[in-house]
């Protein structure tokens, strides 16, 4: 199944995030930042980077308003810090469908509006593992910046 990803923040480009943030440490209580933060204007539309099944649409303490979509290649696309969610758990979404709006919910409160976007592989990719801090988790986390550029 092909995996073509759309930029999840409408109107954003690769200039709206730092490619140095993926796997950056130290990063808060998680130790390592396992995604990229795409910055933009409050309430900008956030779209599904790829089609899939919405496994979760709700609130988490760190992520705030979040959406998790199971897409092609058994990859979970995680969207956090949304101002609002426009999809519900169990719904199928097509790539580029609106799933929410840009915000600063969860532990991003008081920070500029942004989307934390992560891609997790349900199937481990052991050749990506390293001896770095939490390096074994690299077999599950993919760099979204590499997929979007």
C-alpha atoms as a PDB file:
ATOM      1  CA  UNK A   1       0.000   0.000   0.000  1.00  0.00           C
ATOM      2  CA  UNK A   2       1.571   3.314  -1.025  1.00  0.00           C
ATOM      3  CA  UNK A   3       2.323   5.932   1.605  1.00  0.00           C
ATOM      4  CA  UNK A   4       2.174   9.455   0.242  1.00  0.00           C
ATOM      5  CA  UNK A   5       2.073  12.035   3.003  1.00  0.00           C
ATOM      6  CA  UNK A   6       0.529  15.487   2.847  1.00  0.00           C
ATOM      7  CA  UNK A   7       1.757  18.346   5.020  1.00  0.00           C
ATOM      8  CA  UNK A   8      -0.588  18.082   8.028  1.00  0.00           C
ATOM      9  CA  UNK A   9      -0.728  21.834   8.749  1.00  0.00           C
ATOM     10  CA  UNK A  10      -2.468  23.677   5.916  1.00  0.00           C
ATOM     11  CA  UNK A  11      -0.168  26.282   4.366  1.00  0.00           C
ATOM     12  CA  UNK A  12       2.946  25.073   6.229  1.00  0.00           C
ATOM     13  CA  UNK A  13       6.252  24.167   4.640  1.00  0.00           C
ATOM     14  CA  UNK A  14       9.493  22.596   5.812  1.00  0.00           C
ATOM     15  CA  UNK A  15      10.489  26.091   7.011  1.00  0.00           C
ATOM     16  CA  UNK A  16       7.857  25.832   9.763  1.00  0.00           C
ATOM     17  CA  UNK A  17       9.700  23.201  11.814  1.00  0.00           C
ATOM     18  CA  UNK A  18      13.285  22.468  12.745  1.00  0.00           C
ATOM     19  CA  UNK A  19      14.660  19.180  11.464  1.00  0.00           C
ATOM     20  CA  UNK A  20      16.808  19.188  14.604  1.00  0.00           C
ATOM     21  CA  UNK A  21      13.802  18.563  16.889  1.00  0.00           C
ATOM     22  CA  UNK A  22      13.275  14.928  15.938  1.00  0.00           C
ATOM     23  CA  UNK A  23      15.022  12.797  18.529  1.00  0.00           C
ATOM     24  CA  UNK A  24      16.345  15.874  20.302  1.00  0.00           C
ATOM     25  CA  UNK A  25      17.356  15.427  23.935  1.00  0.00           C
ATOM     26  CA  UNK A  26      16.908  16.397  26.667  1.00  0.00           C
ATOM     27  CA  UNK A  27      13.259  17.159  25.982  1.00  0.00           C
ATOM     28  CA  UNK A  28      10.985  17.556  28.994  1.00  0.00           C
ATOM     29  CA  UNK A  29       9.865  14.531  30.957  1.00  0.00           C
ATOM     30  CA  UNK A  30       9.917  12.280  27.882  1.00  0.00           C
ATOM     31  CA  UNK A  31      13.693  12.703  27.620  1.00  0.00           C
ATOM     32  CA  UNK A  32      13.732  12.483  23.818  1.00  0.00           C
ATOM     33  CA  UNK A  33      11.466  14.349  21.373  1.00  0.00           C
ATOM     34  CA  UNK A  34      10.074  11.667  19.066  1.00  0.00           C
ATOM     35  CA  UNK A  35       8.367  13.860  16.488  1.00  0.00           C
ATOM     36  CA  UNK A  36       8.456  17.291  14.884  1.00  0.00           C
ATOM     37  CA  UNK A  37       6.656  20.470  15.935  1.00  0.00           C
ATOM     38  CA  UNK A  38       5.099  22.292  12.973  1.00  0.00           C
ATOM     39  CA  UNK A  39       4.311  25.919  13.882  1.00  0.00           C
ATOM     40  CA  UNK A  40       1.554  28.102  12.457  1.00  0.00           C
ATOM     41  CA  UNK A  41      -1.344  30.393  13.253  1.00  0.00           C
ATOM     42  CA  UNK A  42      -3.889  29.448  15.919  1.00  0.00           C
ATOM     43  CA  UNK A  43      -6.909  27.583  14.483  1.00  0.00           C
ATOM     44  CA  UNK A  44      -5.226  26.780  11.142  1.00  0.00           C
ATOM     45  CA  UNK A  45      -6.690  23.574   9.710  1.00  0.00           C
ATOM     46  CA  UNK A  46      -4.842  20.356  10.520  1.00  0.00           C
ATOM     47  CA  UNK A  47      -5.392  17.577   7.990  1.00  0.00           C
ATOM     48  CA  UNK A  48      -4.684  13.852   7.953  1.00  0.00           C
ATOM     49  CA  UNK A  49      -1.248  13.377   6.400  1.00  0.00           C
ATOM     50  CA  UNK A  50      -2.548  10.064   5.050  1.00  0.00           C
ATOM     51  CA  UNK A  51      -5.830   8.207   5.053  1.00  0.00           C
ATOM     52  CA  UNK A  52      -6.654   5.646   7.701  1.00  0.00           C
ATOM     53  CA  UNK A  53      -8.707   4.598  10.689  1.00  0.00           C
ATOM     54  CA  UNK A  54      -9.006   7.019  13.627  1.00  0.00           C
ATOM     55  CA  UNK A  55      -7.954   4.828  16.560  1.00  0.00           C
ATOM     56  CA  UNK A  56      -8.212   7.640  19.102  1.00  0.00           C
ATOM     57  CA  UNK A  57      -9.647  11.136  19.216  1.00  0.00           C
ATOM     58  CA  UNK A  58      -9.568  12.615  22.701  1.00  0.00           C
ATOM     59  CA  UNK A  59      -7.481  14.267  25.386  1.00  0.00           C
ATOM     60  CA  UNK A  60      -4.171  13.243  26.974  1.00  0.00           C
ATOM     61  CA  UNK A  61      -2.319  15.116  29.714  1.00  0.00           C
ATOM     62  CA  UNK A  62       0.830  15.870  27.694  1.00  0.00           C
ATOM     63  CA  UNK A  63      -0.635  15.940  24.195  1.00  0.00           C
ATOM     64  CA  UNK A  64      -3.819  17.833  25.012  1.00  0.00           C
ATOM     65  CA  UNK A  65      -6.312  17.346  22.205  1.00  0.00           C
ATOM     66  CA  UNK A  66      -4.909  14.490  20.141  1.00  0.00           C
ATOM     67  CA  UNK A  67      -5.828  12.312  17.173  1.00  0.00           C
ATOM     68  CA  UNK A  68      -4.151   8.982  16.323  1.00  0.00           C
ATOM     69  CA  UNK A  69      -4.722   7.484  12.881  1.00  0.00           C
ATOM     70  CA  UNK A  70      -3.639   4.016  11.747  1.00  0.00           C
ATOM     71  CA  UNK A  71      -2.481   4.469   8.162  1.00  0.00           C
ATOM     72  CA  UNK A  72      -0.709   2.465   5.444  1.00  0.00           C
ATOM     73  CA  UNK A  73       2.172   0.128   6.348  1.00  0.00           C
ATOM     74  CA  UNK A  74       0.785  -0.283   9.897  1.00  0.00           C
ATOM     75  CA  UNK A  75       1.966   3.187  10.873  1.00  0.00           C
ATOM     76  CA  UNK A  76       0.294   5.242  13.556  1.00  0.00           C
ATOM     77  CA  UNK A  77       0.154   8.979  12.827  1.00  0.00           C
ATOM     78  CA  UNK A  78      -0.099  10.993  16.044  1.00  0.00           C
ATOM     79  CA  UNK A  79      -1.285  14.615  16.039  1.00  0.00           C
ATOM     80  CA  UNK A  80      -1.042  16.509  19.354  1.00  0.00           C
ATOM     81  CA  UNK A  81      -1.684  19.963  20.889  1.00  0.00           C
ATOM     82  CA  UNK A  82      -4.747  20.574  18.713  1.00  0.00           C
ATOM     83  CA  UNK A  83      -7.060  23.447  19.607  1.00  0.00           C
ATOM     84  CA  UNK A  84     -10.023  21.348  18.503  1.00  0.00           C
ATOM     85  CA  UNK A  85     -10.648  17.877  17.078  1.00  0.00           C
ATOM     86  CA  UNK A  86     -13.071  17.412  14.178  1.00  0.00           C
ATOM     87  CA  UNK A  87     -13.014  13.595  13.933  1.00  0.00           C
ATOM     88  CA  UNK A  88     -14.191  10.835  16.239  1.00  0.00           C
ATOM     89  CA  UNK A  89     -12.697   7.498  17.220  1.00  0.00           C
ATOM     90  CA  UNK A  90     -13.608   4.690  14.811  1.00  0.00           C
ATOM     91  CA  UNK A  91     -14.091   6.946  11.802  1.00  0.00           C
ATOM     92  CA  UNK A  92     -12.255   6.404   8.504  1.00  0.00           C
ATOM     93  CA  UNK A  93     -10.551   9.515   7.124  1.00  0.00           C
ATOM     94  CA  UNK A  94      -9.068  10.123   3.710  1.00  0.00           C
ATOM     95  CA  UNK A  95      -5.705  11.823   3.263  1.00  0.00           C
ATOM     96  CA  UNK A  96      -6.045  15.617   3.448  1.00  0.00           C
ATOM     97  CA  UNK A  97      -9.339  15.417   5.402  1.00  0.00           C
ATOM     98  CA  UNK A  98      -9.541  17.966   8.211  1.00  0.00           C
ATOM     99  CA  UNK A  99      -9.010  16.334  11.614  1.00  0.00           C
ATOM    100  CA  UNK A 100      -8.677  19.425  13.806  1.00  0.00           C
ATOM    101  CA  UNK A 101      -7.222  22.891  14.244  1.00  0.00           C
ATOM    102  CA  UNK A 102      -3.798  24.108  15.332  1.00  0.00           C
ATOM    103  CA  UNK A 103      -3.422  25.032  18.971  1.00  0.00           C
ATOM    104  CA  UNK A 104      -1.351  24.730  22.129  1.00  0.00           C
ATOM    105  CA  UNK A 105      -3.232  22.275  24.332  1.00  0.00           C
ATOM    106  CA  UNK A 106      -1.710  19.876  26.852  1.00  0.00           C
ATOM    107  CA  UNK A 107       1.840  20.604  27.944  1.00  0.00           C
ATOM    108  CA  UNK A 108       2.145  23.154  25.105  1.00  0.00           C
ATOM    109  CA  UNK A 109      -0.130  25.607  26.947  1.00  0.00           C
ATOM    110  CA  UNK A 110       1.368  29.088  26.830  1.00  0.00           C
ATOM    111  CA  UNK A 111       3.652  28.201  23.897  1.00  0.00           C
ATOM    112  CA  UNK A 112       3.191  29.268  20.257  1.00  0.00           C
ATOM    113  CA  UNK A 113       0.531  27.212  18.418  1.00  0.00           C
ATOM    114  CA  UNK A 114       1.982  24.117  16.816  1.00  0.00           C
ATOM    115  CA  UNK A 115       1.269  20.540  15.866  1.00  0.00           C
ATOM    116  CA  UNK A 116       3.370  17.784  17.384  1.00  0.00           C
ATOM    117  CA  UNK A 117       3.415  15.162  14.624  1.00  0.00           C
ATOM    118  CA  UNK A 118       4.850  11.680  15.152  1.00  0.00           C
ATOM    119  CA  UNK A 119       4.856   8.526  13.066  1.00  0.00           C
ATOM    120  CA  UNK A 120       5.112   5.197  14.895  1.00  0.00           C
ATOM    121  CA  UNK A 121       5.628   1.899  13.129  1.00  0.00           C
ATOM    122  CA  UNK A 122       3.570  -0.893  14.692  1.00  0.00           C
ATOM    123  CA  UNK A 123       5.983  -3.341  13.070  1.00  0.00           C
ATOM    124  CA  UNK A 124       9.497  -2.894  14.538  1.00  0.00           C
ATOM    125  CA  UNK A 125      12.305  -1.833  12.199  1.00  0.00           C
ATOM    126  CA  UNK A 126      15.282  -3.226  14.193  1.00  0.00           C
ATOM    127  CA  UNK A 127      17.946  -1.866  11.816  1.00  0.00           C
ATOM    128  CA  UNK A 128      16.983   1.656  12.979  1.00  0.00           C
ATOM    129  CA  UNK A 129      17.857   0.905  16.614  1.00  0.00           C
ATOM    130  CA  UNK A 130      20.915   2.654  18.094  1.00  0.00           C
ATOM    131  CA  UNK A 131      22.825   2.750  21.376  1.00  0.00           C
ATOM    132  CA  UNK A 132      21.721   6.368  22.004  1.00  0.00           C
ATOM    133  CA  UNK A 133      19.429   7.262  24.900  1.00  0.00           C
ATOM    134  CA  UNK A 134      16.170   5.411  24.209  1.00  0.00           C
ATOM    135  CA  UNK A 135      17.814   4.343  20.928  1.00  0.00           C
ATOM    136  CA  UNK A 136      15.938   1.031  20.902  1.00  0.00           C
ATOM    137  CA  UNK A 137      12.726   3.078  20.414  1.00  0.00           C
ATOM    138  CA  UNK A 138      14.042   4.310  17.059  1.00  0.00           C
ATOM    139  CA  UNK A 139      12.843   1.020  15.581  1.00  0.00           C
ATOM    140  CA  UNK A 140       9.289   2.269  16.189  1.00  0.00           C
ATOM    141  CA  UNK A 141       9.534   6.030  15.581  1.00  0.00           C
ATOM    142  CA  UNK A 142      10.070   7.395  12.086  1.00  0.00           C
ATOM    143  CA  UNK A 143      11.209  10.947  11.339  1.00  0.00           C
ATOM    144  CA  UNK A 144       8.181  12.746   9.863  1.00  0.00           C
ATOM    145  CA  UNK A 145      10.460  15.449   8.454  1.00  0.00           C
ATOM    146  CA  UNK A 146      12.105  12.906   6.158  1.00  0.00           C
ATOM    147  CA  UNK A 147       8.686  11.787   4.916  1.00  0.00           C
ATOM    148  CA  UNK A 148       7.360  15.329   4.320  1.00  0.00           C
ATOM    149  CA  UNK A 149      10.329  16.848   2.478  1.00  0.00           C
END
